[in-house]
């Protein structure tokens, strides 16, 4: 997951095309959405074991594990949200570019 300031500066780069920026944004959105789904789903999985108490250590471990899992699930084809967004928004992008010409 990109830091918000990294994401903003990346989107402001002139050497990237609008379609590349769209791809990055859609992938980040999918990763964030998957992370939200996993956040509650992972709570019962990461209990006990090496981190037996409810506390900061368990929250940090759960957060890190959820972030890595969300990023991994969003790579490549992901779960399809990114590609669906790119398809829909690229149509709008092409229409906008055609109107500007």
PDB file of N, CA and C in Angstrom:
ATOM      1  N   UNK A   1       0.838  -1.174   0.000  1.00  0.00           N
ATOM      2  CA  UNK A   1       0.000   0.000   0.000  1.00  0.00           C
ATOM      3  C   UNK A   1       0.884   1.239   0.000  1.00  0.00           C
ATOM      4  N   UNK A   2       0.534   2.174  -0.844  1.00  0.00           N
ATOM      5  CA  UNK A   2       1.301   3.405  -0.937  1.00  0.00           C
ATOM      6  C   UNK A   2       0.903   4.375   0.165  1.00  0.00           C
ATOM      7  N   UNK A   3       1.873   5.093   0.661  1.00  0.00           N
ATOM      8  CA  UNK A   3       1.626   6.177   1.597  1.00  0.00           C
ATOM      9  C   UNK A   3       0.868   7.262   0.835  1.00  0.00           C
ATOM     10  N   UNK A   4      -0.098   7.955   1.462  1.00  0.00           N
ATOM     11  CA  UNK A   4      -0.853   8.988   0.732  1.00  0.00           C
ATOM     12  C   UNK A   4       0.011  10.030   0.042  1.00  0.00           C
ATOM     13  N   UNK A   5       1.104  10.447   0.665  1.00  0.00           N
ATOM     14  CA  UNK A   5       1.967  11.450   0.021  1.00  0.00           C
ATOM     15  C   UNK A   5       2.703  10.848  -1.178  1.00  0.00           C
ATOM     16  N   UNK A   6       3.115   9.566  -1.076  1.00  0.00           N
ATOM     17  CA  UNK A   6       3.756   8.888  -2.207  1.00  0.00           C
ATOM     18  C   UNK A   6       2.770   8.757  -3.365  1.00  0.00           C
ATOM     19  N   UNK A   7       1.552   8.386  -3.040  1.00  0.00           N
ATOM     20  CA  UNK A   7       0.513   8.197  -4.039  1.00  0.00           C
ATOM     21  C   UNK A   7       0.225   9.510  -4.766  1.00  0.00           C
ATOM     22  N   UNK A   8       0.099  10.585  -4.007  1.00  0.00           N
ATOM     23  CA  UNK A   8      -0.175  11.893  -4.596  1.00  0.00           C
ATOM     24  C   UNK A   8       0.963  12.334  -5.502  1.00  0.00           C
ATOM     25  N   UNK A   9       2.206  12.181  -5.043  1.00  0.00           N
ATOM     26  CA  UNK A   9       3.336  12.602  -5.870  1.00  0.00           C
ATOM     27  C   UNK A   9       3.469  11.729  -7.114  1.00  0.00           C
ATOM     28  N   UNK A  10       3.144  10.444  -7.007  1.00  0.00           N
ATOM     29  CA  UNK A  10       3.209   9.554  -8.160  1.00  0.00           C
ATOM     30  C   UNK A  10       2.180   9.966  -9.216  1.00  0.00           C
ATOM     31  N   UNK A  11       1.003  10.333  -8.767  1.00  0.00           N
ATOM     32  CA  UNK A  11      -0.047  10.733  -9.711  1.00  0.00           C
ATOM     33  C   UNK A  11       0.222  12.077 -10.369  1.00  0.00           C
ATOM     34  N   UNK A  12       1.097  12.877  -9.779  1.00  0.00           N
ATOM     35  CA  UNK A  12       1.428  14.177 -10.347  1.00  0.00           C
ATOM     36  C   UNK A  12       2.613  14.123 -11.301  1.00  0.00           C
ATOM     37  N   UNK A  13       3.209  12.957 -11.478  1.00  0.00           N
ATOM     38  CA  UNK A  13       4.348  12.815 -12.377  1.00  0.00           C
ATOM     39  C   UNK A  13       3.901  12.976 -13.822  1.00  0.00           C
ATOM     40  N   UNK A  14       4.671  13.736 -14.575  1.00  0.00           N
ATOM     41  CA  UNK A  14       4.326  14.010 -15.964  1.00  0.00           C
ATOM     42  C   UNK A  14       4.642  12.841 -16.891  1.00  0.00           C
ATOM     43  N   UNK A  15       5.607  12.002 -16.529  1.00  0.00           N
ATOM     44  CA  UNK A  15       6.019  10.921 -17.426  1.00  0.00           C
ATOM     45  C   UNK A  15       5.051   9.732 -17.406  1.00  0.00           C
ATOM     46  N   UNK A  16       4.055   9.762 -16.542  1.00  0.00           N
ATOM     47  CA  UNK A  16       3.079   8.665 -16.494  1.00  0.00           C
ATOM     48  C   UNK A  16       1.838   9.048 -17.283  1.00  0.00           C
ATOM     49  N   UNK A  17       1.334   8.100 -18.056  1.00  0.00           N
ATOM     50  CA  UNK A  17       0.106   8.360 -18.812  1.00  0.00           C
ATOM     51  C   UNK A  17      -1.091   8.268 -17.871  1.00  0.00           C
ATOM     52  N   UNK A  18      -2.207   8.793 -18.329  1.00  0.00           N
ATOM     53  CA  UNK A  18      -3.427   8.732 -17.529  1.00  0.00           C
ATOM     54  C   UNK A  18      -3.853   7.288 -17.285  1.00  0.00           C
ATOM     55  N   UNK A  19      -3.626   6.408 -18.257  1.00  0.00           N
ATOM     56  CA  UNK A  19      -4.010   5.005 -18.073  1.00  0.00           C
ATOM     57  C   UNK A  19      -3.126   4.333 -17.012  1.00  0.00           C
ATOM     58  N   UNK A  20      -1.845   4.701 -16.933  1.00  0.00           N
ATOM     59  CA  UNK A  20      -0.971   4.162 -15.890  1.00  0.00           C
ATOM     60  C   UNK A  20      -1.415   4.658 -14.511  1.00  0.00           C
ATOM     61  N   UNK A  21      -1.775   5.929 -14.438  1.00  0.00           N
ATOM     62  CA  UNK A  21      -2.258   6.494 -13.183  1.00  0.00           C
ATOM     63  C   UNK A  21      -3.557   5.823 -12.758  1.00  0.00           C
ATOM     64  N   UNK A  22      -4.425   5.561 -13.727  1.00  0.00           N
ATOM     65  CA  UNK A  22      -5.685   4.875 -13.449  1.00  0.00           C
ATOM     66  C   UNK A  22      -5.434   3.470 -12.922  1.00  0.00           C
ATOM     67  N   UNK A  23      -4.480   2.772 -13.519  1.00  0.00           N
ATOM     68  CA  UNK A  23      -4.151   1.417 -13.074  1.00  0.00           C
ATOM     69  C   UNK A  23      -3.654   1.413 -11.624  1.00  0.00           C
ATOM     70  N   UNK A  24      -2.774   2.337 -11.296  1.00  0.00           N
ATOM     71  CA  UNK A  24      -2.252   2.436  -9.937  1.00  0.00           C
ATOM     72  C   UNK A  24      -3.369   2.744  -8.950  1.00  0.00           C
ATOM     73  N   UNK A  25      -4.212   3.698  -9.297  1.00  0.00           N
ATOM     74  CA  UNK A  25      -5.299   4.103  -8.417  1.00  0.00           C
ATOM     75  C   UNK A  25      -6.299   2.971  -8.207  1.00  0.00           C
ATOM     76  N   UNK A  26      -6.669   2.282  -9.270  1.00  0.00           N
ATOM     77  CA  UNK A  26      -7.633   1.179  -9.159  1.00  0.00           C
ATOM     78  C   UNK A  26      -7.062   0.032  -8.335  1.00  0.00           C
ATOM     79  N   UNK A  27      -5.783  -0.264  -8.504  1.00  0.00           N
ATOM     80  CA  UNK A  27      -5.142  -1.330  -7.735  1.00  0.00           C
ATOM     81  C   UNK A  27      -5.062  -0.956  -6.258  1.00  0.00           C
ATOM     82  N   UNK A  28      -4.729   0.296  -5.977  1.00  0.00           N
ATOM     83  CA  UNK A  28      -4.692   0.758  -4.582  1.00  0.00           C
ATOM     84  C   UNK A  28      -6.085   0.704  -3.958  1.00  0.00           C
ATOM     85  N   UNK A  29      -7.104   1.070  -4.725  1.00  0.00           N
ATOM     86  CA  UNK A  29      -8.475   1.009  -4.224  1.00  0.00           C
ATOM     87  C   UNK A  29      -8.861  -0.431  -3.897  1.00  0.00           C
ATOM     88  N   UNK A  30      -8.550  -1.352  -4.809  1.00  0.00           N
ATOM     89  CA  UNK A  30      -8.864  -2.762  -4.571  1.00  0.00           C
ATOM     90  C   UNK A  30      -8.143  -3.276  -3.327  1.00  0.00           C
ATOM     91  N   UNK A  31      -6.886  -2.914  -3.187  1.00  0.00           N
ATOM     92  CA  UNK A  31      -6.114  -3.344  -2.024  1.00  0.00           C
ATOM     93  C   UNK A  31      -6.724  -2.805  -0.729  1.00  0.00           C
ATOM     94  N   UNK A  32      -7.151  -1.557  -0.740  1.00  0.00           N
ATOM     95  CA  UNK A  32      -7.784  -0.961   0.437  1.00  0.00           C
ATOM     96  C   UNK A  32      -9.102  -1.645   0.760  1.00  0.00           C
ATOM     97  N   UNK A  33      -9.890  -1.930  -0.261  1.00  0.00           N
ATOM     98  CA  UNK A  33     -11.167  -2.598  -0.055  1.00  0.00           C
ATOM     99  C   UNK A  33     -10.980  -4.016   0.485  1.00  0.00           C
ATOM    100  N   UNK A  34     -10.037  -4.753  -0.081  1.00  0.00           N
ATOM    101  CA  UNK A  34      -9.740  -6.107   0.397  1.00  0.00           C
ATOM    102  C   UNK A  34      -9.254  -6.051   1.843  1.00  0.00           C
ATOM    103  N   UNK A  35      -8.443  -5.054   2.157  1.00  0.00           N
ATOM    104  CA  UNK A  35      -7.947  -4.888   3.524  1.00  0.00           C
ATOM    105  C   UNK A  35      -9.105  -4.702   4.497  1.00  0.00           C
ATOM    106  N   UNK A  36     -10.095  -3.922   4.100  1.00  0.00           N
ATOM    107  CA  UNK A  36     -11.261  -3.707   4.962  1.00  0.00           C
ATOM    108  C   UNK A  36     -12.047  -5.004   5.163  1.00  0.00           C
ATOM    109  N   UNK A  37     -12.186  -5.790   4.109  1.00  0.00           N
ATOM    110  CA  UNK A  37     -12.867  -7.076   4.227  1.00  0.00           C
ATOM    111  C   UNK A  37     -12.122  -7.999   5.189  1.00  0.00           C
ATOM    112  N   UNK A  38     -10.803  -8.015   5.053  1.00  0.00           N
ATOM    113  CA  UNK A  38      -9.978  -8.930   5.851  1.00  0.00           C
ATOM    114  C   UNK A  38      -9.830  -8.495   7.305  1.00  0.00           C
ATOM    115  N   UNK A  39      -9.970  -7.215   7.549  1.00  0.00           N
ATOM    116  CA  UNK A  39      -9.741  -6.676   8.885  1.00  0.00           C
ATOM    117  C   UNK A  39     -10.558  -7.426   9.946  1.00  0.00           C
ATOM    118  N   UNK A  40     -11.850  -7.527   9.732  1.00  0.00           N
ATOM    119  CA  UNK A  40     -12.703  -8.234  10.684  1.00  0.00           C
ATOM    120  C   UNK A  40     -12.616  -9.744  10.523  1.00  0.00           C
ATOM    121  N   UNK A  41     -12.393 -10.194   9.303  1.00  0.00           N
ATOM    122  CA  UNK A  41     -12.321 -11.638   9.056  1.00  0.00           C
ATOM    123  C   UNK A  41     -11.113 -12.265   9.736  1.00  0.00           C
ATOM    124  N   UNK A  42     -10.037 -11.506   9.884  1.00  0.00           N
ATOM    125  CA  UNK A  42      -8.811 -12.055  10.449  1.00  0.00           C
ATOM    126  C   UNK A  42      -8.775 -12.032  11.977  1.00  0.00           C
ATOM    127  N   UNK A  43      -9.673 -11.323  12.623  1.00  0.00           N
ATOM    128  CA  UNK A  43      -9.637 -11.219  14.086  1.00  0.00           C
ATOM    129  C   UNK A  43      -9.667 -12.580  14.779  1.00  0.00           C
ATOM    130  N   UNK A  44     -10.580 -13.479  14.426  1.00  0.00           N
ATOM    131  CA  UNK A  44     -10.579 -14.768  15.125  1.00  0.00           C
ATOM    132  C   UNK A  44      -9.410 -15.676  14.731  1.00  0.00           C
ATOM    133  N   UNK A  45      -8.800 -15.450  13.592  1.00  0.00           N
ATOM    134  CA  UNK A  45      -7.703 -16.297  13.127  1.00  0.00           C
ATOM    135  C   UNK A  45      -6.428 -16.017  13.903  1.00  0.00           C
ATOM    136  N   UNK A  46      -6.166 -14.755  14.171  1.00  0.00           N
ATOM    137  CA  UNK A  46      -4.917 -14.373  14.835  1.00  0.00           C
ATOM    138  C   UNK A  46      -5.199 -14.135  16.313  1.00  0.00           C
ATOM    139  N   UNK A  47      -5.471 -15.191  17.039  1.00  0.00           N
ATOM    140  CA  UNK A  47      -5.634 -15.137  18.483  1.00  0.00           C
ATOM    141  C   UNK A  47      -4.934 -16.335  19.075  1.00  0.00           C
ATOM    142  N   UNK A  48      -4.404 -16.153  20.244  1.00  0.00           N
ATOM    143  CA  UNK A  48      -3.686 -17.245  20.880  1.00  0.00           C
ATOM    144  C   UNK A  48      -2.312 -17.408  20.279  1.00  0.00           C
ATOM    145  N   UNK A  49      -1.722 -18.576  20.463  1.00  0.00           N
ATOM    146  CA  UNK A  49      -0.396 -18.848  19.913  1.00  0.00           C
ATOM    147  C   UNK A  49       0.664 -18.000  20.570  1.00  0.00           C
ATOM    148  N   UNK A  50       1.572 -17.485  19.770  1.00  0.00           N
ATOM    149  CA  UNK A  50       2.694 -16.706  20.289  1.00  0.00           C
ATOM    150  C   UNK A  50       2.241 -15.388  20.891  1.00  0.00           C
ATOM    151  N   UNK A  51       1.151 -14.860  20.388  1.00  0.00           N
ATOM    152  CA  UNK A  51       0.651 -13.583  20.900  1.00  0.00           C
ATOM    153  C   UNK A  51      -0.688 -13.891  21.575  1.00  0.00           C
ATOM    154  N   UNK A  52      -0.637 -14.227  22.849  1.00  0.00           N
ATOM    155  CA  UNK A  52      -1.831 -14.721  23.521  1.00  0.00           C
ATOM    156  C   UNK A  52      -2.693 -13.623  24.129  1.00  0.00           C
ATOM    157  N   UNK A  53      -2.148 -12.474  24.381  1.00  0.00           N
ATOM    158  CA  UNK A  53      -2.923 -11.418  25.012  1.00  0.00           C
ATOM    159  C   UNK A  53      -3.502 -10.477  23.957  1.00  0.00           C
ATOM    160  N   UNK A  54      -4.644  -9.898  24.290  1.00  0.00           N
ATOM    161  CA  UNK A  54      -5.170  -8.834  23.445  1.00  0.00           C
ATOM    162  C   UNK A  54      -4.397  -7.583  23.797  1.00  0.00           C
ATOM    163  N   UNK A  55      -3.747  -7.016  22.832  1.00  0.00           N
ATOM    164  CA  UNK A  55      -2.969  -5.824  23.128  1.00  0.00           C
ATOM    165  C   UNK A  55      -2.326  -5.261  21.888  1.00  0.00           C
ATOM    166  N   UNK A  56      -1.377  -4.405  22.121  1.00  0.00           N
ATOM    167  CA  UNK A  56      -0.723  -3.690  21.042  1.00  0.00           C
ATOM    168  C   UNK A  56       0.018  -4.643  20.107  1.00  0.00           C
ATOM    169  N   UNK A  57       0.738  -5.622  20.668  1.00  0.00           N
ATOM    170  CA  UNK A  57       1.509  -6.552  19.830  1.00  0.00           C
ATOM    171  C   UNK A  57       0.602  -7.322  18.887  1.00  0.00           C
ATOM    172  N   UNK A  58      -0.520  -7.790  19.396  1.00  0.00           N
ATOM    173  CA  UNK A  58      -1.446  -8.539  18.557  1.00  0.00           C
ATOM    174  C   UNK A  58      -2.065  -7.639  17.486  1.00  0.00           C
ATOM    175  N   UNK A  59      -2.389  -6.401  17.842  1.00  0.00           N
ATOM    176  CA  UNK A  59      -2.947  -5.450  16.866  1.00  0.00           C
ATOM    177  C   UNK A  59      -1.945  -5.139  15.762  1.00  0.00           C
ATOM    178  N   UNK A  60      -0.681  -4.970  16.133  1.00  0.00           N
ATOM    179  CA  UNK A  60       0.361  -4.682  15.139  1.00  0.00           C
ATOM    180  C   UNK A  60       0.539  -5.873  14.207  1.00  0.00           C
ATOM    181  N   UNK A  61       0.632  -7.059  14.777  1.00  0.00           N
ATOM    182  CA  UNK A  61       0.807  -8.270  13.972  1.00  0.00           C
ATOM    183  C   UNK A  61      -0.384  -8.478  13.048  1.00  0.00           C
ATOM    184  N   UNK A  62      -1.600  -8.332  13.579  1.00  0.00           N
ATOM    185  CA  UNK A  62      -2.809  -8.494  12.772  1.00  0.00           C
ATOM    186  C   UNK A  62      -2.848  -7.476  11.644  1.00  0.00           C
ATOM    187  N   UNK A  63      -2.493  -6.218  11.943  1.00  0.00           N
ATOM    188  CA  UNK A  63      -2.490  -5.171  10.921  1.00  0.00           C
ATOM    189  C   UNK A  63      -1.478  -5.442   9.815  1.00  0.00           C
ATOM    190  N   UNK A  64      -0.271  -5.845  10.215  1.00  0.00           N
ATOM    191  CA  UNK A  64       0.765  -6.152   9.228  1.00  0.00           C
ATOM    192  C   UNK A  64       0.356  -7.336   8.362  1.00  0.00           C
ATOM    193  N   UNK A  65      -0.122  -8.394   8.998  1.00  0.00           N
ATOM    194  CA  UNK A  65      -0.537  -9.600   8.281  1.00  0.00           C
ATOM    195  C   UNK A  65      -1.675  -9.285   7.306  1.00  0.00           C
ATOM    196  N   UNK A  66      -2.637  -8.502   7.749  1.00  0.00           N
ATOM    197  CA  UNK A  66      -3.774  -8.129   6.900  1.00  0.00           C
ATOM    198  C   UNK A  66      -3.318  -7.280   5.722  1.00  0.00           C
ATOM    199  N   UNK A  67      -2.398  -6.331   5.950  1.00  0.00           N
ATOM    200  CA  UNK A  67      -1.875  -5.489   4.862  1.00  0.00           C
ATOM    201  C   UNK A  67      -1.173  -6.329   3.796  1.00  0.00           C
ATOM    202  N   UNK A  68      -0.311  -7.236   4.232  1.00  0.00           N
ATOM    203  CA  UNK A  68       0.435  -8.073   3.286  1.00  0.00           C
ATOM    204  C   UNK A  68      -0.515  -8.982   2.519  1.00  0.00           C
ATOM    205  N   UNK A  69      -1.476  -9.559   3.205  1.00  0.00           N
ATOM    206  CA  UNK A  69      -2.443 -10.432   2.539  1.00  0.00           C
ATOM    207  C   UNK A  69      -3.289  -9.654   1.534  1.00  0.00           C
ATOM    208  N   UNK A  70      -3.724  -8.461   1.888  1.00  0.00           N
ATOM    209  CA  UNK A  70      -4.523  -7.627   0.975  1.00  0.00           C
ATOM    210  C   UNK A  70      -3.724  -7.237  -0.256  1.00  0.00           C
ATOM    211  N   UNK A  71      -2.458  -6.855  -0.074  1.00  0.00           N
ATOM    212  CA  UNK A  71      -1.619  -6.489  -1.220  1.00  0.00           C
ATOM    213  C   UNK A  71      -1.389  -7.692  -2.127  1.00  0.00           C
ATOM    214  N   UNK A  72      -1.172  -8.851  -1.532  1.00  0.00           N
ATOM    215  CA  UNK A  72      -0.944 -10.067  -2.314  1.00  0.00           C
ATOM    216  C   UNK A  72      -2.188 -10.449  -3.106  1.00  0.00           C
ATOM    217  N   UNK A  73      -3.346 -10.368  -2.483  1.00  0.00           N
ATOM    218  CA  UNK A  73      -4.592 -10.708  -3.169  1.00  0.00           C
ATOM    219  C   UNK A  73      -4.938  -9.714  -4.272  1.00  0.00           C
ATOM    220  N   UNK A  74      -4.435  -8.497  -4.173  1.00  0.00           N
ATOM    221  CA  UNK A  74      -4.740  -7.467  -5.166  1.00  0.00           C
ATOM    222  C   UNK A  74      -3.770  -7.451  -6.337  1.00  0.00           C
ATOM    223  N   UNK A  75      -2.689  -8.209  -6.258  1.00  0.00           N
ATOM    224  CA  UNK A  75      -1.715  -8.244  -7.356  1.00  0.00           C
ATOM    225  C   UNK A  75      -2.255  -9.049  -8.523  1.00  0.00           C
ATOM    226  N   UNK A  76      -1.708  -8.781  -9.698  1.00  0.00           N
ATOM    227  CA  UNK A  76      -2.135  -9.514 -10.894  1.00  0.00           C
ATOM    228  C   UNK A  76      -3.583  -9.205 -11.204  1.00  0.00           C
ATOM    229  N   UNK A  77      -4.374 -10.230 -11.354  1.00  0.00           N
ATOM    230  CA  UNK A  77      -5.801 -10.048 -11.629  1.00  0.00           C
ATOM    231  C   UNK A  77      -6.583  -9.676 -10.377  1.00  0.00           C
ATOM    232  N   UNK A  78      -6.005  -9.965  -9.214  1.00  0.00           N
ATOM    233  CA  UNK A  78      -6.681  -9.634  -7.961  1.00  0.00           C
ATOM    234  C   UNK A  78      -8.013 -10.342  -7.856  1.00  0.00           C
ATOM    235  N   UNK A  79      -8.976  -9.668  -7.288  1.00  0.00           N
ATOM    236  CA  UNK A  79     -10.317 -10.251  -7.189  1.00  0.00           C
ATOM    237  C   UNK A  79     -11.254  -9.651  -8.233  1.00  0.00           C
ATOM    238  N   UNK A  80     -10.717  -8.817  -9.103  1.00  0.00           N
ATOM    239  CA  UNK A  80     -11.479  -8.303 -10.236  1.00  0.00           C
ATOM    240  C   UNK A  80     -11.994  -6.886 -10.102  1.00  0.00           C
ATOM    241  N   UNK A  81     -11.879  -6.311  -8.933  1.00  0.00           N
ATOM    242  CA  UNK A  81     -12.397  -4.957  -8.726  1.00  0.00           C
ATOM    243  C   UNK A  81     -11.569  -3.938  -9.509  1.00  0.00           C
ATOM    244  N   UNK A  82     -10.261  -4.084  -9.445  1.00  0.00           N
ATOM    245  CA  UNK A  82      -9.370  -3.150 -10.140  1.00  0.00           C
ATOM    246  C   UNK A  82      -9.613  -3.161 -11.642  1.00  0.00           C
ATOM    247  N   UNK A  83      -9.707  -4.354 -12.222  1.00  0.00           N
ATOM    248  CA  UNK A  83      -9.908  -4.427 -13.672  1.00  0.00           C
ATOM    249  C   UNK A  83     -11.279  -3.894 -14.072  1.00  0.00           C
ATOM    250  N   UNK A  84     -12.289  -4.117 -13.253  1.00  0.00           N
ATOM    251  CA  UNK A  84     -13.622  -3.581 -13.546  1.00  0.00           C
ATOM    252  C   UNK A  84     -13.616  -2.055 -13.479  1.00  0.00           C
ATOM    253  N   UNK A  85     -12.949  -1.506 -12.467  1.00  0.00           N
ATOM    254  CA  UNK A  85     -12.840  -0.047 -12.361  1.00  0.00           C
ATOM    255  C   UNK A  85     -12.075   0.542 -13.539  1.00  0.00           C
ATOM    256  N   UNK A  86     -10.963  -0.107 -13.890  1.00  0.00           N
ATOM    257  CA  UNK A  86     -10.164   0.381 -15.013  1.00  0.00           C
ATOM    258  C   UNK A  86     -10.962   0.361 -16.307  1.00  0.00           C
ATOM    259  N   UNK A  87     -11.723  -0.684 -16.514  1.00  0.00           N
ATOM    260  CA  UNK A  87     -12.530  -0.793 -17.724  1.00  0.00           C
ATOM    261  C   UNK A  87     -13.566   0.322 -17.789  1.00  0.00           C
ATOM    262  N   UNK A  88     -14.260   0.528 -16.687  1.00  0.00           N
ATOM    263  CA  UNK A  88     -15.311   1.554 -16.649  1.00  0.00           C
ATOM    264  C   UNK A  88     -14.718   2.957 -16.763  1.00  0.00           C
ATOM    265  N   UNK A  89     -13.670   3.210 -16.000  1.00  0.00           N
ATOM    266  CA  UNK A  89     -13.100   4.557 -15.979  1.00  0.00           C
ATOM    267  C   UNK A  89     -12.283   4.874 -17.224  1.00  0.00           C
ATOM    268  N   UNK A  90     -11.699   3.863 -17.859  1.00  0.00           N
ATOM    269  CA  UNK A  90     -10.936   4.134 -19.084  1.00  0.00           C
ATOM    270  C   UNK A  90     -11.868   4.573 -20.205  1.00  0.00           C
ATOM    271  N   UNK A  91     -13.084   4.066 -20.208  1.00  0.00           N
ATOM    272  CA  UNK A  91     -14.083   4.519 -21.177  1.00  0.00           C
ATOM    273  C   UNK A  91     -14.362   6.001 -20.973  1.00  0.00           C
ATOM    274  N   UNK A  92     -14.522   6.392 -19.717  1.00  0.00           N
ATOM    275  CA  UNK A  92     -14.742   7.807 -19.405  1.00  0.00           C
ATOM    276  C   UNK A  92     -13.519   8.645 -19.751  1.00  0.00           C
ATOM    277  N   UNK A  93     -12.338   8.107 -19.522  1.00  0.00           N
ATOM    278  CA  UNK A  93     -11.097   8.802 -19.826  1.00  0.00           C
ATOM    279  C   UNK A  93     -10.949   9.029 -21.332  1.00  0.00           C
ATOM    280  N   UNK A  94     -11.261   7.990 -22.132  1.00  0.00           N
ATOM    281  CA  UNK A  94     -11.176   8.119 -23.590  1.00  0.00           C
ATOM    282  C   UNK A  94     -12.180   9.147 -24.097  1.00  0.00           C
ATOM    283  N   UNK A  95     -13.376   9.158 -23.525  1.00  0.00           N
ATOM    284  CA  UNK A  95     -14.395  10.124 -23.922  1.00  0.00           C
ATOM    285  C   UNK A  95     -13.929  11.538 -23.596  1.00  0.00           C
ATOM    286  N   UNK A  96     -13.324  11.699 -22.428  1.00  0.00           N
ATOM    287  CA  UNK A  96     -12.815  13.011 -22.008  1.00  0.00           C
ATOM    288  C   UNK A  96     -11.697  13.469 -22.941  1.00  0.00           C
ATOM    289  N   UNK A  97     -10.797  12.569 -23.311  1.00  0.00           N
ATOM    290  CA  UNK A  97      -9.688  12.914 -24.216  1.00  0.00           C
ATOM    291  C   UNK A  97     -10.207  13.270 -25.600  1.00  0.00           C
ATOM    292  N   UNK A  98     -11.232  12.555 -26.076  1.00  0.00           N
ATOM    293  CA  UNK A  98     -11.810  12.820 -27.387  1.00  0.00           C
ATOM    294  C   UNK A  98     -12.501  14.195 -27.386  1.00  0.00           C
ATOM    295  N   UNK A  99     -13.212  14.509 -26.309  1.00  0.00           N
ATOM    296  CA  UNK A  99     -13.885  15.806 -26.210  1.00  0.00           C
ATOM    297  C   UNK A  99     -12.906  16.963 -26.150  1.00  0.00           C
ATOM    298  N   UNK A 100     -11.728  16.729 -25.550  1.00  0.00           N
ATOM    299  CA  UNK A 100     -10.721  17.781 -25.423  1.00  0.00           C
ATOM    300  C   UNK A 100     -10.023  18.068 -26.756  1.00  0.00           C
ATOM    301  N   UNK A 101     -10.043  17.105 -27.666  1.00  0.00           N
ATOM    302  CA  UNK A 101      -9.352  17.278 -28.958  1.00  0.00           C
ATOM    303  C   UNK A 101     -10.095  18.160 -29.899  1.00  0.00           C
TER     304      UNK A 101
END
